[in-house]
Amino acid sequence: MKTTIQEQDNQFVVNLDGELDTAAALETEKVLQPLFKSNGKDVLFECEKLEYISSSGLRILLGILKGARANGSKVIMKDVNDDIKSVFKLTGLISLFEFA
């Protein structure tokens, strides 16, 4: 799993590349730690290269969403493939995140 963060246009852009499974979740969470307090900036997850997400990965995204909302920010999931979108639907999380 490769995770990168860039600051662009007053938002954080996160590129997720690979499988966000339980094994990758600990390292990914460390990389994403600054986003748990987004300081009023929206967080855009670019998911074009995200191949899989586990419950551990969803937990990380929920933590970031909670911090973002507390600061008046949004979390946007972009270019999510149908398989991963179905995971969001099955878990009931589809309504919590914005999809672009």
PDB file of N, CA and C in Angstrom:
ATOM      1  N   MET A   1       0.855  -1.184   0.000  1.00  0.00           N
ATOM      2  CA  MET A   1       0.000   0.000   0.000  1.00  0.00           C
ATOM      3  C   MET A   1       0.890   1.232   0.000  1.00  0.00           C
ATOM      4  N   LYS A   2       0.634   2.131  -0.932  1.00  0.00           N
ATOM      5  CA  LYS A   2       1.363   3.386  -0.994  1.00  0.00           C
ATOM      6  C   LYS A   2       0.379   4.519  -0.746  1.00  0.00           C
ATOM      7  N   THR A   3       0.729   5.396   0.185  1.00  0.00           N
ATOM      8  CA  THR A   3      -0.131   6.505   0.566  1.00  0.00           C
ATOM      9  C   THR A   3       0.673   7.789   0.546  1.00  0.00           C
ATOM     10  N   THR A   4       0.178   8.787  -0.172  1.00  0.00           N
ATOM     11  CA  THR A   4       0.848  10.083  -0.196  1.00  0.00           C
ATOM     12  C   THR A   4      -0.160  11.182   0.087  1.00  0.00           C
ATOM     13  N   ILE A   5       0.329  12.253   0.716  1.00  0.00           N
ATOM     14  CA  ILE A   5      -0.506  13.414   1.034  1.00  0.00           C
ATOM     15  C   ILE A   5       0.142  14.647   0.426  1.00  0.00           C
ATOM     16  N   GLN A   6      -0.686  15.461  -0.231  1.00  0.00           N
ATOM     17  CA  GLN A   6      -0.241  16.751  -0.751  1.00  0.00           C
ATOM     18  C   GLN A   6      -1.258  17.799  -0.335  1.00  0.00           C
ATOM     19  N   GLU A   7      -0.795  19.019  -0.187  1.00  0.00           N
ATOM     20  CA  GLU A   7      -1.700  20.127   0.091  1.00  0.00           C
ATOM     21  C   GLU A   7      -1.886  20.899  -1.205  1.00  0.00           C
ATOM     22  N   GLN A   8      -3.137  20.970  -1.691  1.00  0.00           N
ATOM     23  CA  GLN A   8      -3.451  21.664  -2.947  1.00  0.00           C
ATOM     24  C   GLN A   8      -4.753  22.430  -2.780  1.00  0.00           C
ATOM     25  N   ASP A   9      -4.754  23.661  -3.253  1.00  0.00           N
ATOM     26  CA  ASP A   9      -5.986  24.456  -3.272  1.00  0.00           C
ATOM     27  C   ASP A   9      -6.712  24.433  -1.931  1.00  0.00           C
ATOM     28  N   ASN A  10      -5.978  24.642  -0.848  1.00  0.00           N
ATOM     29  CA  ASN A  10      -6.540  24.701   0.502  1.00  0.00           C
ATOM     30  C   ASN A  10      -7.250  23.415   0.921  1.00  0.00           C
ATOM     31  N   GLN A  11      -6.768  22.284   0.416  1.00  0.00           N
ATOM     32  CA  GLN A  11      -7.285  20.988   0.843  1.00  0.00           C
ATOM     33  C   GLN A  11      -6.136  19.980   0.842  1.00  0.00           C
ATOM     34  N   PHE A  12      -6.347  18.897   1.546  1.00  0.00           N
ATOM     35  CA  PHE A  12      -5.393  17.794   1.524  1.00  0.00           C
ATOM     36  C   PHE A  12      -5.838  16.800   0.458  1.00  0.00           C
ATOM     37  N   VAL A  13      -4.930  16.391  -0.395  1.00  0.00           N
ATOM     38  CA  VAL A  13      -5.208  15.390  -1.417  1.00  0.00           C
ATOM     39  C   VAL A  13      -4.397  14.146  -1.061  1.00  0.00           C
ATOM     40  N   VAL A  14      -5.110  13.059  -0.832  1.00  0.00           N
ATOM     41  CA  VAL A  14      -4.483  11.798  -0.428  1.00  0.00           C
ATOM     42  C   VAL A  14      -4.622  10.802  -1.568  1.00  0.00           C
ATOM     43  N   ASN A  15      -3.507  10.273  -2.024  1.00  0.00           N
ATOM     44  CA  ASN A  15      -3.524   9.223  -3.047  1.00  0.00           C
ATOM     45  C   ASN A  15      -3.358   7.878  -2.364  1.00  0.00           C
ATOM     46  N   LEU A  16      -4.326   7.010  -2.586  1.00  0.00           N
ATOM     47  CA  LEU A  16      -4.287   5.650  -2.049  1.00  0.00           C
ATOM     48  C   LEU A  16      -4.013   4.696  -3.203  1.00  0.00           C
ATOM     49  N   ASP A  17      -2.955   3.912  -3.082  1.00  0.00           N
ATOM     50  CA  ASP A  17      -2.519   3.038  -4.170  1.00  0.00           C
ATOM     51  C   ASP A  17      -2.255   1.650  -3.607  1.00  0.00           C
ATOM     52  N   GLY A  18      -3.089   0.685  -3.972  1.00  0.00           N
ATOM     53  CA  GLY A  18      -2.896  -0.690  -3.516  1.00  0.00           C
ATOM     54  C   GLY A  18      -4.069  -1.187  -2.701  1.00  0.00           C
ATOM     55  N   GLU A  19      -3.753  -2.071  -1.754  1.00  0.00           N
ATOM     56  CA  GLU A  19      -4.773  -2.691  -0.912  1.00  0.00           C
ATOM     57  C   GLU A  19      -4.667  -2.170   0.518  1.00  0.00           C
ATOM     58  N   LEU A  20      -5.723  -1.512   0.965  1.00  0.00           N
ATOM     59  CA  LEU A  20      -5.774  -1.015   2.340  1.00  0.00           C
ATOM     60  C   LEU A  20      -6.400  -2.112   3.205  1.00  0.00           C
ATOM     61  N   ASP A  21      -5.592  -3.146   3.451  1.00  0.00           N
ATOM     62  CA  ASP A  21      -6.053  -4.273   4.250  1.00  0.00           C
ATOM     63  C   ASP A  21      -5.540  -4.134   5.677  1.00  0.00           C
ATOM     64  N   THR A  22      -5.810  -5.120   6.486  1.00  0.00           N
ATOM     65  CA  THR A  22      -5.422  -5.074   7.894  1.00  0.00           C
ATOM     66  C   THR A  22      -3.913  -4.942   8.050  1.00  0.00           C
ATOM     67  N   ALA A  23      -3.164  -5.633   7.215  1.00  0.00           N
ATOM     68  CA  ALA A  23      -1.700  -5.582   7.296  1.00  0.00           C
ATOM     69  C   ALA A  23      -1.169  -4.183   6.981  1.00  0.00           C
ATOM     70  N   ALA A  24      -1.781  -3.482   6.059  1.00  0.00           N
ATOM     71  CA  ALA A  24      -1.324  -2.154   5.653  1.00  0.00           C
ATOM     72  C   ALA A  24      -1.910  -1.040   6.517  1.00  0.00           C
ATOM     73  N   ALA A  25      -2.925  -1.342   7.296  1.00  0.00           N
ATOM     74  CA  ALA A  25      -3.663  -0.304   8.024  1.00  0.00           C
ATOM     75  C   ALA A  25      -2.798   0.441   9.037  1.00  0.00           C
ATOM     76  N   LEU A  26      -1.933  -0.241   9.756  1.00  0.00           N
ATOM     77  CA  LEU A  26      -1.131   0.409  10.792  1.00  0.00           C
ATOM     78  C   LEU A  26      -0.208   1.457  10.180  1.00  0.00           C
ATOM     79  N   GLU A  27       0.513   1.106   9.139  1.00  0.00           N
ATOM     80  CA  GLU A  27       1.416   2.050   8.485  1.00  0.00           C
ATOM     81  C   GLU A  27       0.639   3.186   7.819  1.00  0.00           C
ATOM     82  N   THR A  28      -0.472   2.846   7.185  1.00  0.00           N
ATOM     83  CA  THR A  28      -1.297   3.866   6.528  1.00  0.00           C
ATOM     84  C   THR A  28      -1.832   4.856   7.548  1.00  0.00           C
ATOM     85  N   GLU A  29      -2.248   4.358   8.696  1.00  0.00           N
ATOM     86  CA  GLU A  29      -2.763   5.248   9.746  1.00  0.00           C
ATOM     87  C   GLU A  29      -1.683   6.210  10.228  1.00  0.00           C
ATOM     88  N   LYS A  30      -0.445   5.742  10.323  1.00  0.00           N
ATOM     89  CA  LYS A  30       0.662   6.619  10.724  1.00  0.00           C
ATOM     90  C   LYS A  30       0.860   7.730   9.702  1.00  0.00           C
ATOM     91  N   VAL A  31       0.818   7.373   8.421  1.00  0.00           N
ATOM     92  CA  VAL A  31       0.997   8.369   7.357  1.00  0.00           C
ATOM     93  C   VAL A  31      -0.140   9.398   7.388  1.00  0.00           C
ATOM     94  N   LEU A  32      -1.348   8.926   7.643  1.00  0.00           N
ATOM     95  CA  LEU A  32      -2.529   9.793   7.608  1.00  0.00           C
ATOM     96  C   LEU A  32      -2.794  10.521   8.926  1.00  0.00           C
ATOM     97  N   GLN A  33      -1.998  10.294   9.935  1.00  0.00           N
ATOM     98  CA  GLN A  33      -2.222  10.876  11.262  1.00  0.00           C
ATOM     99  C   GLN A  33      -2.473  12.384  11.240  1.00  0.00           C
ATOM    100  N   PRO A  34      -1.752  13.168  10.428  1.00  0.00           N
ATOM    101  CA  PRO A  34      -2.022  14.617  10.416  1.00  0.00           C
ATOM    102  C   PRO A  34      -3.444  14.969   9.972  1.00  0.00           C
ATOM    103  N   LEU A  35      -4.102  14.083   9.261  1.00  0.00           N
ATOM    104  CA  LEU A  35      -5.437  14.380   8.739  1.00  0.00           C
ATOM    105  C   LEU A  35      -6.543  14.173   9.776  1.00  0.00           C
ATOM    106  N   PHE A  36      -6.218  13.535  10.892  1.00  0.00           N
ATOM    107  CA  PHE A  36      -7.242  13.337  11.924  1.00  0.00           C
ATOM    108  C   PHE A  36      -7.688  14.681  12.511  1.00  0.00           C
ATOM    109  N   LYS A  37      -6.858  15.707  12.309  1.00  0.00           N
ATOM    110  CA  LYS A  37      -7.233  17.079  12.664  1.00  0.00           C
ATOM    111  C   LYS A  37      -6.940  17.921  11.433  1.00  0.00           C
ATOM    112  N   SER A  38      -7.899  18.004  10.552  1.00  0.00           N
ATOM    113  CA  SER A  38      -7.676  18.615   9.239  1.00  0.00           C
ATOM    114  C   SER A  38      -7.581  20.143   9.281  1.00  0.00           C
ATOM    115  N   ASN A  39      -7.796  20.731  10.446  1.00  0.00           N
ATOM    116  CA  ASN A  39      -7.645  22.179  10.624  1.00  0.00           C
ATOM    117  C   ASN A  39      -8.445  23.006   9.625  1.00  0.00           C
ATOM    118  N   GLY A  40      -9.668  22.587   9.378  1.00  0.00           N
ATOM    119  CA  GLY A  40     -10.552  23.356   8.514  1.00  0.00           C
ATOM    120  C   GLY A  40     -10.365  23.119   7.028  1.00  0.00           C
ATOM    121  N   LYS A  41      -9.473  22.231   6.649  1.00  0.00           N
ATOM    122  CA  LYS A  41      -9.258  21.938   5.231  1.00  0.00           C
ATOM    123  C   LYS A  41      -9.993  20.654   4.866  1.00  0.00           C
ATOM    124  N   ASP A  42     -10.581  20.651   3.681  1.00  0.00           N
ATOM    125  CA  ASP A  42     -11.231  19.446   3.194  1.00  0.00           C
ATOM    126  C   ASP A  42     -10.170  18.383   2.882  1.00  0.00           C
ATOM    127  N   VAL A  43     -10.581  17.135   2.919  1.00  0.00           N
ATOM    128  CA  VAL A  43      -9.696  16.014   2.602  1.00  0.00           C
ATOM    129  C   VAL A  43     -10.280  15.284   1.400  1.00  0.00           C
ATOM    130  N   LEU A  44      -9.495  15.197   0.340  1.00  0.00           N
ATOM    131  CA  LEU A  44      -9.896  14.516  -0.885  1.00  0.00           C
ATOM    132  C   LEU A  44      -9.075  13.240  -1.018  1.00  0.00           C
ATOM    133  N   PHE A  45      -9.753  12.106  -0.973  1.00  0.00           N
ATOM    134  CA  PHE A  45      -9.082  10.824  -1.170  1.00  0.00           C
ATOM    135  C   PHE A  45      -9.193  10.442  -2.633  1.00  0.00           C
ATOM    136  N   GLU A  46      -8.063  10.381  -3.312  1.00  0.00           N
ATOM    137  CA  GLU A  46      -8.014   9.938  -4.710  1.00  0.00           C
ATOM    138  C   GLU A  46      -7.877   8.415  -4.674  1.00  0.00           C
ATOM    139  N   CYS A  47      -8.921   7.714  -5.103  1.00  0.00           N
ATOM    140  CA  CYS A  47      -9.005   6.256  -4.933  1.00  0.00           C
ATOM    141  C   CYS A  47      -8.901   5.486  -6.247  1.00  0.00           C
ATOM    142  N   GLU A  48      -8.453   6.137  -7.299  1.00  0.00           N
ATOM    143  CA  GLU A  48      -8.385   5.480  -8.603  1.00  0.00           C
ATOM    144  C   GLU A  48      -7.545   4.198  -8.559  1.00  0.00           C
ATOM    145  N   LYS A  49      -6.484   4.195  -7.746  1.00  0.00           N
ATOM    146  CA  LYS A  49      -5.587   3.035  -7.678  1.00  0.00           C
ATOM    147  C   LYS A  49      -5.817   2.181  -6.430  1.00  0.00           C
ATOM    148  N   LEU A  50      -6.845   2.507  -5.654  1.00  0.00           N
ATOM    149  CA  LEU A  50      -7.180   1.703  -4.482  1.00  0.00           C
ATOM    150  C   LEU A  50      -7.889   0.438  -4.947  1.00  0.00           C
ATOM    151  N   GLU A  51      -7.328  -0.715  -4.611  1.00  0.00           N
ATOM    152  CA  GLU A  51      -7.845  -1.985  -5.105  1.00  0.00           C
ATOM    153  C   GLU A  51      -8.746  -2.710  -4.106  1.00  0.00           C
ATOM    154  N   TYR A  52      -8.569  -2.420  -2.815  1.00  0.00           N
ATOM    155  CA  TYR A  52      -9.295  -3.162  -1.776  1.00  0.00           C
ATOM    156  C   TYR A  52      -9.280  -2.325  -0.506  1.00  0.00           C
ATOM    157  N   ILE A  53     -10.341  -2.431   0.300  1.00  0.00           N
ATOM    158  CA  ILE A  53     -10.361  -1.796   1.611  1.00  0.00           C
ATOM    159  C   ILE A  53     -10.998  -2.750   2.615  1.00  0.00           C
ATOM    160  N   SER A  54     -10.351  -2.915   3.755  1.00  0.00           N
ATOM    161  CA  SER A  54     -10.860  -3.784   4.821  1.00  0.00           C
ATOM    162  C   SER A  54     -11.560  -2.931   5.878  1.00  0.00           C
ATOM    163  N   SER A  55     -12.096  -3.598   6.874  1.00  0.00           N
ATOM    164  CA  SER A  55     -12.743  -2.868   7.966  1.00  0.00           C
ATOM    165  C   SER A  55     -11.735  -1.980   8.695  1.00  0.00           C
ATOM    166  N   SER A  56     -10.476  -2.401   8.743  1.00  0.00           N
ATOM    167  CA  SER A  56      -9.433  -1.563   9.365  1.00  0.00           C
ATOM    168  C   SER A  56      -9.241  -0.271   8.577  1.00  0.00           C
ATOM    169  N   GLY A  57      -9.288  -0.379   7.256  1.00  0.00           N
ATOM    170  CA  GLY A  57      -9.179   0.806   6.410  1.00  0.00           C
ATOM    171  C   GLY A  57     -10.380   1.725   6.576  1.00  0.00           C
ATOM    172  N   LEU A  58     -11.555   1.146   6.663  1.00  0.00           N
ATOM    173  CA  LEU A  58     -12.763   1.945   6.882  1.00  0.00           C
ATOM    174  C   LEU A  58     -12.698   2.679   8.218  1.00  0.00           C
ATOM    175  N   ARG A  59     -12.158   2.030   9.229  1.00  0.00           N
ATOM    176  CA  ARG A  59     -12.022   2.648  10.552  1.00  0.00           C
ATOM    177  C   ARG A  59     -11.140   3.894  10.472  1.00  0.00           C
ATOM    178  N   ILE A  60     -10.057   3.812   9.705  1.00  0.00           N
ATOM    179  CA  ILE A  60      -9.166   4.962   9.535  1.00  0.00           C
ATOM    180  C   ILE A  60      -9.920   6.115   8.872  1.00  0.00           C
ATOM    181  N   LEU A  61     -10.643   5.804   7.804  1.00  0.00           N
ATOM    182  CA  LEU A  61     -11.395   6.843   7.097  1.00  0.00           C
ATOM    183  C   LEU A  61     -12.459   7.474   7.997  1.00  0.00           C
ATOM    184  N   LEU A  62     -13.110   6.661   8.820  1.00  0.00           N
ATOM    185  CA  LEU A  62     -14.107   7.196   9.749  1.00  0.00           C
ATOM    186  C   LEU A  62     -13.476   8.132  10.775  1.00  0.00           C
ATOM    187  N   GLY A  63     -12.289   7.794  11.251  1.00  0.00           N
ATOM    188  CA  GLY A  63     -11.583   8.661  12.198  1.00  0.00           C
ATOM    189  C   GLY A  63     -11.249  10.009  11.574  1.00  0.00           C
ATOM    190  N   ILE A  64     -10.817   9.979  10.321  1.00  0.00           N
ATOM    191  CA  ILE A  64     -10.513  11.225   9.615  1.00  0.00           C
ATOM    192  C   ILE A  64     -11.784  12.022   9.374  1.00  0.00           C
ATOM    193  N   LEU A  65     -12.863  11.342   9.017  1.00  0.00           N
ATOM    194  CA  LEU A  65     -14.154  12.010   8.807  1.00  0.00           C
ATOM    195  C   LEU A  65     -14.625  12.698  10.091  1.00  0.00           C
ATOM    196  N   LYS A  66     -14.489  12.024  11.200  1.00  0.00           N
ATOM    197  CA  LYS A  66     -14.915  12.592  12.494  1.00  0.00           C
ATOM    198  C   LYS A  66     -14.133  13.868  12.793  1.00  0.00           C
ATOM    199  N   GLY A  67     -12.823  13.825  12.608  1.00  0.00           N
ATOM    200  CA  GLY A  67     -12.000  15.012  12.852  1.00  0.00           C
ATOM    201  C   GLY A  67     -12.310  16.142  11.886  1.00  0.00           C
ATOM    202  N   ALA A  68     -12.548  15.798  10.632  1.00  0.00           N
ATOM    203  CA  ALA A  68     -12.848  16.811   9.620  1.00  0.00           C
ATOM    204  C   ALA A  68     -14.166  17.509   9.932  1.00  0.00           C
ATOM    205  N   ARG A  69     -15.177  16.729  10.237  1.00  0.00           N
ATOM    206  CA  ARG A  69     -16.491  17.321  10.526  1.00  0.00           C
ATOM    207  C   ARG A  69     -16.446  18.217  11.757  1.00  0.00           C
ATOM    208  N   ALA A  70     -15.642  17.832  12.744  1.00  0.00           N
ATOM    209  CA  ALA A  70     -15.515  18.645  13.954  1.00  0.00           C
ATOM    210  C   ALA A  70     -14.916  20.018  13.641  1.00  0.00           C
ATOM    211  N   ASN A  71     -14.168  20.094  12.540  1.00  0.00           N
ATOM    212  CA  ASN A  71     -13.550  21.352  12.127  1.00  0.00           C
ATOM    213  C   ASN A  71     -14.272  21.998  10.944  1.00  0.00           C
ATOM    214  N   GLY A  72     -15.456  21.506  10.602  1.00  0.00           N
ATOM    215  CA  GLY A  72     -16.233  22.079   9.513  1.00  0.00           C
ATOM    216  C   GLY A  72     -15.729  21.707   8.126  1.00  0.00           C
ATOM    217  N   SER A  73     -14.972  20.631   8.026  1.00  0.00           N
ATOM    218  CA  SER A  73     -14.415  20.201   6.746  1.00  0.00           C
ATOM    219  C   SER A  73     -15.182  19.014   6.193  1.00  0.00           C
ATOM    220  N   LYS A  74     -14.923  18.716   4.922  1.00  0.00           N
ATOM    221  CA  LYS A  74     -15.538  17.578   4.252  1.00  0.00           C
ATOM    222  C   LYS A  74     -14.476  16.544   3.918  1.00  0.00           C
ATOM    223  N   VAL A  75     -14.912  15.301   3.786  1.00  0.00           N
ATOM    224  CA  VAL A  75     -14.077  14.223   3.269  1.00  0.00           C
ATOM    225  C   VAL A  75     -14.738  13.741   1.986  1.00  0.00           C
ATOM    226  N   ILE A  76     -13.975  13.804   0.897  1.00  0.00           N
ATOM    227  CA  ILE A  76     -14.501  13.451  -0.415  1.00  0.00           C
ATOM    228  C   ILE A  76     -13.735  12.253  -0.952  1.00  0.00           C
ATOM    229  N   MET A  77     -14.469  11.261  -1.388  1.00  0.00           N
ATOM    230  CA  MET A  77     -13.884  10.064  -1.986  1.00  0.00           C
ATOM    231  C   MET A  77     -14.016  10.204  -3.506  1.00  0.00           C
ATOM    232  N   LYS A  78     -12.895  10.208  -4.208  1.00  0.00           N
ATOM    233  CA  LYS A  78     -12.909  10.438  -5.653  1.00  0.00           C
ATOM    234  C   LYS A  78     -12.437   9.196  -6.399  1.00  0.00           C
ATOM    235  N   ASP A  79     -13.080   8.917  -7.521  1.00  0.00           N
ATOM    236  CA  ASP A  79     -12.703   7.816  -8.412  1.00  0.00           C
ATOM    237  C   ASP A  79     -12.685   6.463  -7.702  1.00  0.00           C
ATOM    238  N   VAL A  80     -13.715   6.211  -6.901  1.00  0.00           N
ATOM    239  CA  VAL A  80     -13.846   4.942  -6.189  1.00  0.00           C
ATOM    240  C   VAL A  80     -14.419   3.904  -7.150  1.00  0.00           C
ATOM    241  N   ASN A  81     -13.766   2.743  -7.237  1.00  0.00           N
ATOM    242  CA  ASN A  81     -14.281   1.708  -8.148  1.00  0.00           C
ATOM    243  C   ASN A  81     -15.543   1.060  -7.563  1.00  0.00           C
ATOM    244  N   ASP A  82     -16.252   0.339  -8.393  1.00  0.00           N
ATOM    245  CA  ASP A  82     -17.543  -0.231  -7.991  1.00  0.00           C
ATOM    246  C   ASP A  82     -17.419  -1.229  -6.847  1.00  0.00           C
ATOM    247  N   ASP A  83     -16.339  -2.015  -6.816  1.00  0.00           N
ATOM    248  CA  ASP A  83     -16.162  -2.998  -5.742  1.00  0.00           C
ATOM    249  C   ASP A  83     -16.017  -2.309  -4.386  1.00  0.00           C
ATOM    250  N   ILE A  84     -15.217  -1.270  -4.341  1.00  0.00           N
ATOM    251  CA  ILE A  84     -15.009  -0.564  -3.070  1.00  0.00           C
ATOM    252  C   ILE A  84     -16.260   0.219  -2.693  1.00  0.00           C
ATOM    253  N   LYS A  85     -16.923   0.788  -3.683  1.00  0.00           N
ATOM    254  CA  LYS A  85     -18.167   1.508  -3.391  1.00  0.00           C
ATOM    255  C   LYS A  85     -19.209   0.560  -2.805  1.00  0.00           C
ATOM    256  N   SER A  86     -19.211  -0.693  -3.262  1.00  0.00           N
ATOM    257  CA  SER A  86     -20.162  -1.667  -2.713  1.00  0.00           C
ATOM    258  C   SER A  86     -19.851  -1.978  -1.253  1.00  0.00           C
ATOM    259  N   VAL A  87     -18.574  -1.921  -0.860  1.00  0.00           N
ATOM    260  CA  VAL A  87     -18.214  -2.107   0.551  1.00  0.00           C
ATOM    261  C   VAL A  87     -18.815  -0.971   1.384  1.00  0.00           C
ATOM    262  N   PHE A  88     -18.726   0.244   0.880  1.00  0.00           N
ATOM    263  CA  PHE A  88     -19.327   1.379   1.580  1.00  0.00           C
ATOM    264  C   PHE A  88     -20.845   1.204   1.685  1.00  0.00           C
ATOM    265  N   LYS A  89     -21.467   0.703   0.625  1.00  0.00           N
ATOM    266  CA  LYS A  89     -22.915   0.481   0.652  1.00  0.00           C
ATOM    267  C   LYS A  89     -23.289  -0.607   1.650  1.00  0.00           C
ATOM    268  N   LEU A  90     -22.574  -1.730   1.601  1.00  0.00           N
ATOM    269  CA  LEU A  90     -22.885  -2.857   2.489  1.00  0.00           C
ATOM    270  C   LEU A  90     -22.723  -2.507   3.967  1.00  0.00           C
ATOM    271  N   THR A  91     -21.769  -1.638   4.277  1.00  0.00           N
ATOM    272  CA  THR A  91     -21.528  -1.260   5.669  1.00  0.00           C
ATOM    273  C   THR A  91     -22.386  -0.081   6.116  1.00  0.00           C
ATOM    274  N   GLY A  92     -23.129   0.511   5.179  1.00  0.00           N
ATOM    275  CA  GLY A  92     -23.976   1.648   5.525  1.00  0.00           C
ATOM    276  C   GLY A  92     -23.208   2.963   5.605  1.00  0.00           C
ATOM    277  N   LEU A  93     -21.953   2.977   5.178  1.00  0.00           N
ATOM    278  CA  LEU A  93     -21.144   4.181   5.276  1.00  0.00           C
ATOM    279  C   LEU A  93     -21.262   5.084   4.051  1.00  0.00           C
ATOM    280  N   ILE A  94     -21.961   4.609   3.043  1.00  0.00           N
ATOM    281  CA  ILE A  94     -22.075   5.359   1.796  1.00  0.00           C
ATOM    282  C   ILE A  94     -22.670   6.752   2.023  1.00  0.00           C
ATOM    283  N   SER A  95     -23.569   6.878   2.980  1.00  0.00           N
ATOM    284  CA  SER A  95     -24.231   8.156   3.211  1.00  0.00           C
ATOM    285  C   SER A  95     -23.382   9.130   4.033  1.00  0.00           C
ATOM    286  N   LEU A  96     -22.324   8.639   4.666  1.00  0.00           N
ATOM    287  CA  LEU A  96     -21.498   9.507   5.502  1.00  0.00           C
ATOM    288  C   LEU A  96     -20.446  10.265   4.702  1.00  0.00           C
ATOM    289  N   PHE A  97     -20.007   9.697   3.592  1.00  0.00           N
ATOM    290  CA  PHE A  97     -18.938  10.287   2.798  1.00  0.00           C
ATOM    291  C   PHE A  97     -19.513  10.896   1.526  1.00  0.00           C
ATOM    292  N   GLU A  98     -18.801  11.887   0.996  1.00  0.00           N
ATOM    293  CA  GLU A  98     -19.149  12.441  -0.308  1.00  0.00           C
ATOM    294  C   GLU A  98     -18.339  11.698  -1.353  1.00  0.00           C
ATOM    295  N   PHE A  99     -18.975  11.386  -2.482  1.00  0.00           N
ATOM    296  CA  PHE A  99     -18.296  10.696  -3.568  1.00  0.00           C
ATOM    297  C   PHE A  99     -18.301  11.575  -4.803  1.00  0.00           C
ATOM    298  N   ALA A 100     -17.136  11.645  -5.456  1.00  0.00           N
ATOM    299  CA  ALA A 100     -17.009  12.457  -6.676  1.00  0.00           C
ATOM    300  C   ALA A 100     -16.496  11.600  -7.807  1.00  0.00           C
TER     301      ALA A 100
END
